[in-house]
Amino acid sequence: MKPKTKDKLQLIGFSLVYWMIASVLFHILRRGGMGGEFGIEVVIPISLWEGFRVSLFTGMVSRICYGLIELAFDNSWMRRRTIGTKLFVKTVVYTFLIVFVITAAVNYVNFVIDPAEDMTRSRILGSGAIWSIITFFIVSSSLFSFLQLVNEKFGPGVLWKMLLGKYQKPRVEKKIFMFLDLKSSTSIAEELGFEKYSSLIQQCFYDLNEVISGRSAEIYQYVGDEAVLCWDYEKGVQGNECIDLYFAFLGKVHSKRDFYMQEFGLIPEFKAGLHGGELMVAEVGVVKKEIAYHGDVINTTARIQSMCNELQAPLLISGSLLSALSLSSSFSQKFEGEFVLKGKEAKTYLHSVGLTQS
């Protein structure tokens, strides 16, 4: 399955579950306590089962409409807009969506209830139930959008790990790391000036996010002109994804060579180091809390990436990680030698990896 397709299916699936649960909970909470008020007689023209049917129908309609809207917004242009722009556009669209969903719900209520009941459209639209539905929809939409923004901020799945306190106590995990750095960054910054140079880095990382979307890689940090990516070890090894992503990113950049030449007068090139193994993971900080990785794997990967210039190799990988991969004929690899990396005593076997010339 292509990464983009997988990403969209996950969005649709999450949207479906969210809206179905939200609609049923709304029905349960709103109906709870009705008829139990002292001295007040509450007439409920819709049975409990009919109410569930309406809730499920409303949730399904909401999910389909909401999913289509989110897929429409899931494009490079929208992702690069400011948060304010995103919220404004979505608010306008959701206003029309609310009207559509309420109209559909009213028609469905008239279809499922006993025809003898006096449930005319004017009676339904004039009741307080409609306003509670509108309030529910606005709050639910805001919560869904908030969860998406938080997911984008921390990375897929990180919010739930924090909520569950998974890393409150440091724990050992096996990860693959990639340090991805712009080649000749100092000379490029001097040539372009810092404002133009910042725009270049911003554009490159936009393209990187386009490539990562739908894959199992996570962006751990941005450090100046460098991005640090990580994978769960097994996922990064599967299908050689940790290597494939690097070349997919280069392909993305080179497919936009005309744009980069027109805007910046150059085509950016990146070097990368890859290594994997066990390390510690823990929540750190109170303000600006984040999940941090500590261990030799991080330092070794950084040192491997720093050897790219010396060995004139765009992509270097440790021997231990390379042995866990099954490189296809589309990749070529060369043993570069044994090296004592800065800050280490033991030697590290380094290999360069490239694409086979067709």
Protein backbone atom coordinates (compact mmCIF):
# COMPACT_ATOMS: atom_id res chain seq x y z
CA MET A 1 0.00 0.00 0.00
CA LYS A 2 1.36 3.42 -0.91
CA PRO A 3 2.23 5.68 2.08
CA LYS A 4 -0.19 8.42 1.01
CA THR A 5 -3.05 5.93 0.62
CA LYS A 6 -2.30 4.41 4.02
CA ASP A 7 -2.27 7.86 5.62
CA LYS A 8 -5.66 8.75 4.11
CA LEU A 9 -7.21 5.44 5.16
CA GLN A 10 -6.02 6.03 8.73
CA LEU A 11 -7.60 9.50 8.69
CA ILE A 12 -10.91 8.09 7.40
CA GLY A 13 -10.83 5.28 9.96
CA PHE A 14 -10.13 7.60 12.88
CA SER A 15 -12.82 10.02 11.70
CA LEU A 16 -15.36 7.18 11.42
CA VAL A 17 -14.71 5.86 14.93
CA TYR A 18 -14.61 9.35 16.45
CA TRP A 19 -17.92 10.54 15.01
CA MET A 20 -19.80 7.29 15.62
CA ILE A 21 -18.74 7.28 19.28
CA ALA A 22 -19.40 11.01 19.68
CA SER A 23 -22.92 10.72 18.23
CA VAL A 24 -23.89 7.77 20.42
CA LEU A 25 -22.48 9.43 23.56
CA PHE A 26 -24.41 12.58 22.73
CA HIS A 27 -27.63 10.58 22.50
CA ILE A 28 -26.97 8.77 25.80
CA LEU A 29 -26.00 11.90 27.74
CA ARG A 30 -28.82 14.03 26.38
CA ARG A 31 -31.42 11.37 27.05
CA GLY A 32 -30.11 10.55 30.53
CA GLY A 33 -32.39 11.83 33.29
CA MET A 34 -35.28 12.69 31.00
CA GLY A 35 -38.56 11.91 32.69
CA GLY A 36 -36.91 11.78 36.11
CA GLU A 37 -37.46 15.43 37.03
CA PHE A 38 -39.86 15.92 39.97
CA GLY A 39 -43.15 17.41 38.88
CA ILE A 40 -42.15 17.58 35.24
CA GLU A 41 -43.51 15.31 32.56
CA VAL A 42 -41.16 14.82 29.65
CA VAL A 43 -42.59 13.38 26.44
CA ILE A 44 -40.03 11.63 24.28
CA PRO A 45 -41.59 10.86 20.90
CA ILE A 46 -38.59 8.79 19.80
CA SER A 47 -37.80 5.47 21.48
CA LEU A 48 -34.34 4.64 22.78
CA TRP A 49 -33.62 2.35 19.80
CA GLU A 50 -34.89 4.93 17.30
CA GLY A 51 -32.67 7.49 18.98
CA PHE A 52 -29.67 5.23 18.53
CA ARG A 53 -30.56 4.79 14.87
CA VAL A 54 -30.76 8.56 14.40
CA SER A 55 -27.45 9.02 16.27
CA LEU A 56 -25.69 6.39 14.20
CA PHE A 57 -27.11 7.87 10.99
CA THR A 58 -26.06 11.38 12.02
CA GLY A 59 -22.62 10.12 12.97
CA MET A 60 -22.26 8.32 9.63
CA VAL A 61 -23.30 11.39 7.62
CA SER A 62 -20.99 13.57 9.71
CA ARG A 63 -18.12 11.15 9.26
CA ILE A 64 -18.51 10.98 5.48
CA CYS A 65 -18.76 14.75 5.11
CA TYR A 66 -16.03 15.43 7.63
CA GLY A 67 -13.74 12.82 6.06
CA LEU A 68 -14.21 14.31 2.58
CA ILE A 69 -13.43 17.79 3.91
CA GLU A 70 -10.30 16.59 5.74
CA LEU A 71 -9.10 14.75 2.64
CA ALA A 72 -9.68 17.92 0.60
CA PHE A 73 -7.59 19.86 3.13
CA ASP A 74 -4.89 17.17 3.16
CA ASN A 75 -2.74 18.79 0.49
CA SER A 76 0.61 20.55 0.42
CA TRP A 77 -0.96 24.00 -0.06
CA MET A 78 -3.19 23.75 3.02
CA ARG A 79 -0.52 22.16 5.22
CA ARG A 80 1.73 25.15 4.59
CA ARG A 81 -0.87 27.73 5.64
CA THR A 82 -0.89 29.34 9.07
CA ILE A 83 -3.00 27.82 11.84
CA GLY A 84 -5.27 30.89 11.71
CA THR A 85 -5.92 30.41 8.00
CA LYS A 86 -6.68 26.72 8.49
CA LEU A 87 -9.13 27.43 11.32
CA PHE A 88 -10.92 30.20 9.36
CA VAL A 89 -11.35 28.12 6.20
CA LYS A 90 -12.51 25.07 8.16
CA THR A 91 -14.95 27.15 10.22
CA VAL A 92 -16.64 28.47 7.09
CA VAL A 93 -16.84 25.00 5.54
CA TYR A 94 -18.10 23.40 8.76
CA THR A 95 -20.86 26.00 9.05
CA PHE A 96 -22.31 24.76 5.77
CA LEU A 97 -21.72 21.19 6.90
CA ILE A 98 -23.73 21.73 10.09
CA VAL A 99 -26.71 22.97 8.05
CA PHE A 100 -26.46 19.94 5.78
CA VAL A 101 -26.18 17.41 8.63
CA ILE A 102 -29.11 18.92 10.55
CA THR A 103 -31.27 18.91 7.42
CA ALA A 104 -30.38 15.26 6.81
CA ALA A 105 -31.08 14.37 10.46
CA VAL A 106 -34.49 16.09 10.40
CA ASN A 107 -35.49 14.21 7.25
CA TYR A 108 -34.27 10.93 8.75
CA VAL A 109 -36.21 11.49 12.00
CA ASN A 110 -39.40 11.97 10.00
CA PHE A 111 -38.62 8.77 8.14
CA VAL A 112 -37.98 6.46 11.13
CA ILE A 113 -40.57 7.60 13.71
CA ASP A 114 -44.20 6.58 13.90
CA PRO A 115 -46.04 8.54 11.20
CA ALA A 116 -48.78 9.28 13.72
CA GLU A 117 -46.42 11.35 15.85
CA ASP A 118 -46.56 15.09 15.36
CA MET A 119 -42.90 15.57 14.41
CA THR A 120 -43.07 18.21 11.70
CA ARG A 121 -39.97 19.98 10.45
CA SER A 122 -41.10 23.26 11.97
CA ARG A 123 -41.54 21.63 15.36
CA ILE A 124 -38.12 19.99 15.20
CA LEU A 125 -36.33 23.10 13.97
CA GLY A 126 -38.04 25.21 16.63
CA SER A 127 -37.02 22.95 19.50
CA GLY A 128 -34.04 23.33 21.79
CA ALA A 129 -32.76 19.96 20.58
CA ILE A 130 -31.45 21.55 17.40
CA TRP A 131 -29.31 24.01 19.33
CA SER A 132 -27.89 21.27 21.51
CA ILE A 133 -27.00 19.36 18.32
CA ILE A 134 -25.33 22.46 16.85
CA THR A 135 -23.37 23.00 20.07
CA PHE A 136 -22.38 19.35 20.13
CA PHE A 137 -21.22 19.44 16.52
CA ILE A 138 -19.15 22.62 17.03
CA VAL A 139 -17.50 21.27 20.19
CA SER A 140 -16.84 17.87 18.59
CA SER A 141 -15.39 19.47 15.45
CA SER A 142 -13.16 21.73 17.54
CA LEU A 143 -11.94 18.77 19.58
CA PHE A 144 -11.23 16.75 16.43
CA SER A 145 -9.29 19.65 14.89
CA PHE A 146 -7.39 20.15 18.16
CA LEU A 147 -6.37 16.49 18.24
CA GLN A 148 -5.13 16.77 14.67
CA LEU A 149 -3.08 19.88 15.44
CA VAL A 150 -1.58 18.24 18.53
CA ASN A 151 -0.82 15.14 16.46
CA GLU A 152 0.99 17.31 13.91
CA LYS A 153 2.88 19.15 16.65
CA PHE A 154 4.14 16.15 18.62
CA GLY A 155 4.09 13.56 15.84
CA PRO A 156 1.76 10.61 15.21
CA GLY A 157 0.93 8.69 18.39
CA VAL A 158 3.07 10.79 20.74
CA LEU A 159 0.08 12.51 22.41
CA TRP A 160 -1.42 9.18 23.48
CA LYS A 161 1.92 8.00 24.82
CA MET A 162 2.13 11.15 26.96
CA LEU A 163 -1.47 10.84 28.15
CA LEU A 164 -0.86 7.23 29.19
CA GLY A 165 2.42 8.18 30.85
CA LYS A 166 4.31 5.59 28.82
CA TYR A 167 7.63 7.39 29.22
CA GLN A 168 7.26 8.92 32.68
CA LYS A 169 9.81 6.37 33.76
CA PRO A 170 12.74 5.92 31.35
CA ARG A 171 12.47 2.72 29.33
CA VAL A 172 14.61 0.89 26.81
CA GLU A 173 13.53 0.81 23.16
CA LYS A 174 15.17 -0.23 19.94
CA LYS A 175 15.24 2.52 17.32
CA ILE A 176 16.80 3.52 14.03
CA PHE A 177 17.99 7.11 13.65
CA MET A 178 18.84 9.18 10.61
CA PHE A 179 20.68 12.49 10.79
CA LEU A 180 19.82 14.36 7.57
CA ASP A 181 21.87 17.47 6.84
CA LEU A 182 22.11 20.00 4.00
CA LYS A 183 25.42 19.81 2.13
CA SER A 184 27.62 22.93 2.02
CA SER A 185 25.18 24.76 4.29
CA THR A 186 27.69 27.44 5.39
CA SER A 187 28.61 28.51 1.86
CA ILE A 188 24.95 28.40 0.75
CA ALA A 189 23.94 30.63 3.68
CA GLU A 190 26.66 33.14 2.78
CA GLU A 191 25.61 33.13 -0.86
CA LEU A 192 21.86 33.46 -0.32
CA GLY A 193 21.77 35.56 2.83
CA PHE A 194 20.03 34.35 5.96
CA GLU A 195 16.49 35.31 4.93
CA LYS A 196 16.67 33.47 1.60
CA TYR A 197 18.56 30.63 3.24
CA SER A 198 15.82 30.20 5.87
CA SER A 199 13.24 30.03 3.08
CA LEU A 200 15.30 27.30 1.40
CA ILE A 201 15.46 25.22 4.60
CA GLN A 202 11.74 25.76 5.15
CA GLN A 203 10.93 24.56 1.63
CA CYS A 204 13.21 21.51 1.92
CA PHE A 205 11.57 20.42 5.17
CA TYR A 206 8.12 20.93 3.62
CA ASP A 207 9.18 18.44 0.96
CA LEU A 208 10.59 16.10 3.61
CA ASN A 209 7.23 16.07 5.41
CA GLU A 210 5.51 15.29 2.11
CA VAL A 211 7.70 12.20 1.75
CA ILE A 212 7.34 11.10 5.39
CA SER A 213 3.55 11.37 5.35
CA GLY A 214 2.06 7.89 5.58
CA ARG A 215 5.37 6.19 6.41
CA SER A 216 6.43 4.86 9.79
CA ALA A 217 9.22 7.42 10.23
CA GLU A 218 8.91 10.18 12.83
CA ILE A 219 10.66 13.54 12.89
CA TYR A 220 12.41 13.68 16.25
CA GLN A 221 13.98 17.14 15.95
CA TYR A 222 14.84 19.98 13.62
CA VAL A 223 18.26 21.43 14.44
CA GLY A 224 19.08 24.34 12.14
CA ASP A 225 19.51 22.86 8.68
CA GLU A 226 19.44 19.32 10.04
CA ALA A 227 16.49 16.98 10.60
CA VAL A 228 16.68 13.98 12.91
CA LEU A 229 14.35 11.11 11.96
CA CYS A 230 13.65 7.90 13.83
CA TRP A 231 11.83 4.58 13.36
CA ASP A 232 10.86 1.68 15.54
CA TYR A 233 13.64 -0.72 14.62
CA GLU A 234 11.52 -3.41 13.01
CA LYS A 235 9.47 -0.91 11.01
CA GLY A 236 12.55 0.90 9.75
CA VAL A 237 14.15 -2.36 8.64
CA GLN A 238 10.99 -3.68 6.98
CA GLY A 239 11.16 -3.08 3.25
CA ASN A 240 14.42 -1.12 3.79
CA GLU A 241 12.23 1.88 4.64
CA CYS A 242 15.01 3.77 6.46
CA ILE A 243 17.08 3.79 3.25
CA ASP A 244 14.18 4.07 0.83
CA LEU A 245 12.95 7.26 2.54
CA TYR A 246 16.28 9.01 1.98
CA PHE A 247 16.21 8.37 -1.76
CA ALA A 248 12.51 9.20 -1.94
CA PHE A 249 13.33 12.58 -0.40
CA LEU A 250 16.14 13.18 -2.89
CA GLY A 251 13.74 12.23 -5.68
CA LYS A 252 11.17 14.71 -4.38
CA VAL A 253 13.72 17.52 -4.33
CA HIS A 254 15.06 16.73 -7.80
CA SER A 255 11.53 16.52 -9.22
CA LYS A 256 11.25 20.21 -8.23
CA ARG A 257 14.65 21.20 -9.58
CA ASP A 258 13.16 23.94 -11.78
CA PHE A 259 11.43 25.49 -8.76
CA TYR A 260 14.61 25.44 -6.65
CA MET A 261 16.72 26.90 -9.45
CA GLN A 262 14.21 29.68 -10.06
CA GLU A 263 13.77 30.56 -6.37
CA PHE A 264 17.26 29.94 -4.98
CA GLY A 265 19.60 29.42 -7.91
CA LEU A 266 20.60 25.93 -6.74
CA ILE A 267 19.34 22.41 -6.15
CA PRO A 268 19.82 21.43 -2.49
CA GLU A 269 21.66 18.20 -1.74
CA PHE A 270 21.55 16.29 1.53
CA LYS A 271 23.85 13.87 3.29
CA ALA A 272 22.70 11.39 5.91
CA GLY A 273 23.95 8.94 8.51
CA LEU A 274 22.00 5.85 9.64
CA HIS A 275 22.43 3.68 12.71
CA GLY A 276 20.20 1.72 15.07
CA GLY A 277 20.12 -0.05 18.41
CA GLU A 278 18.83 0.14 21.96
CA LEU A 279 18.61 3.42 23.87
CA MET A 280 16.63 5.08 26.67
CA VAL A 281 13.39 6.98 26.08
CA ALA A 282 11.88 9.35 28.66
CA GLU A 283 9.63 12.38 29.08
CA VAL A 284 11.69 15.46 29.92
CA GLY A 285 10.78 18.97 31.00
CA VAL A 286 7.65 20.58 32.38
CA VAL A 287 7.33 23.61 30.12
CA LYS A 288 7.73 22.51 26.50
CA LYS A 289 7.65 18.88 27.56
CA GLU A 290 8.83 16.35 25.02
CA ILE A 291 9.89 12.75 24.62
CA ALA A 292 13.69 12.54 24.50
CA TYR A 293 16.12 9.81 23.51
CA HIS A 294 19.39 9.21 25.36
CA GLY A 295 22.13 6.80 24.50
CA ASP A 296 25.07 5.86 22.34
CA VAL A 297 22.86 5.31 19.26
CA ILE A 298 22.16 9.05 18.97
CA ASN A 299 25.82 10.05 19.31
CA THR A 300 27.03 7.35 16.93
CA THR A 301 24.51 8.33 14.24
CA ALA A 302 25.62 11.97 14.47
CA ARG A 303 29.27 10.93 14.11
CA ILE A 304 28.45 8.71 11.12
CA GLN A 305 26.75 11.61 9.38
CA SER A 306 29.78 13.81 10.05
CA MET A 307 31.93 11.31 8.09
CA CYS A 308 29.94 11.88 4.87
CA ASN A 309 32.13 14.78 3.73
CA GLU A 310 35.38 12.97 4.52
CA LEU A 311 34.34 9.85 2.61
CA GLN A 312 32.50 11.75 -0.14
CA ALA A 313 29.43 9.60 0.46
CA PRO A 314 25.89 11.05 0.51
CA LEU A 315 24.52 8.19 2.65
CA LEU A 316 26.51 6.26 5.25
CA ILE A 317 25.16 3.38 7.31
CA SER A 318 26.67 1.38 10.16
CA GLY A 319 27.61 -2.24 9.51
CA SER A 320 25.33 -3.46 12.30
CA LEU A 321 22.26 -1.83 10.76
CA LEU A 322 23.18 -2.85 7.21
CA SER A 323 23.35 -6.50 8.30
CA ALA A 324 19.69 -6.26 9.42
CA LEU A 325 18.57 -5.05 5.99
CA SER A 326 17.93 -7.01 2.82
CA LEU A 327 19.01 -4.65 0.07
CA SER A 328 17.44 -5.29 -3.30
CA SER A 329 19.25 -5.03 -6.62
CA SER A 330 18.06 -1.41 -6.90
CA PHE A 331 20.59 -0.44 -4.21
CA SER A 332 24.38 -0.61 -4.35
CA GLN A 333 26.57 -0.65 -1.25
CA LYS A 334 30.30 -0.20 -0.67
CA PHE A 335 32.34 -0.99 2.42
CA GLU A 336 34.18 2.21 3.37
CA GLY A 337 36.28 0.79 6.20
CA GLU A 338 36.64 0.66 9.99
CA PHE A 339 36.69 3.97 11.83
CA VAL A 340 37.14 5.11 15.41
CA LEU A 341 34.45 7.79 15.61
CA LYS A 342 34.90 10.84 17.79
CA GLY A 343 34.08 10.08 21.43
CA LYS A 344 34.16 6.30 20.91
CA GLU A 345 36.80 3.67 21.57
CA ALA A 346 35.53 0.74 19.53
CA LYS A 347 35.76 0.77 15.77
CA THR A 348 32.62 1.23 13.66
CA TYR A 349 32.16 -0.40 10.26
CA LEU A 350 30.80 2.07 7.73
CA HIS A 351 29.16 1.41 4.37
CA SER A 352 27.96 3.82 1.71
CA VAL A 353 24.68 3.10 -0.05
CA GLY A 354 23.49 4.39 -3.42
CA LEU A 355 21.00 3.62 -6.14
CA THR A 356 21.99 1.18 -8.87
CA GLN A 357 22.44 2.95 -12.18
CA SER A 358 19.79 1.73 -14.65
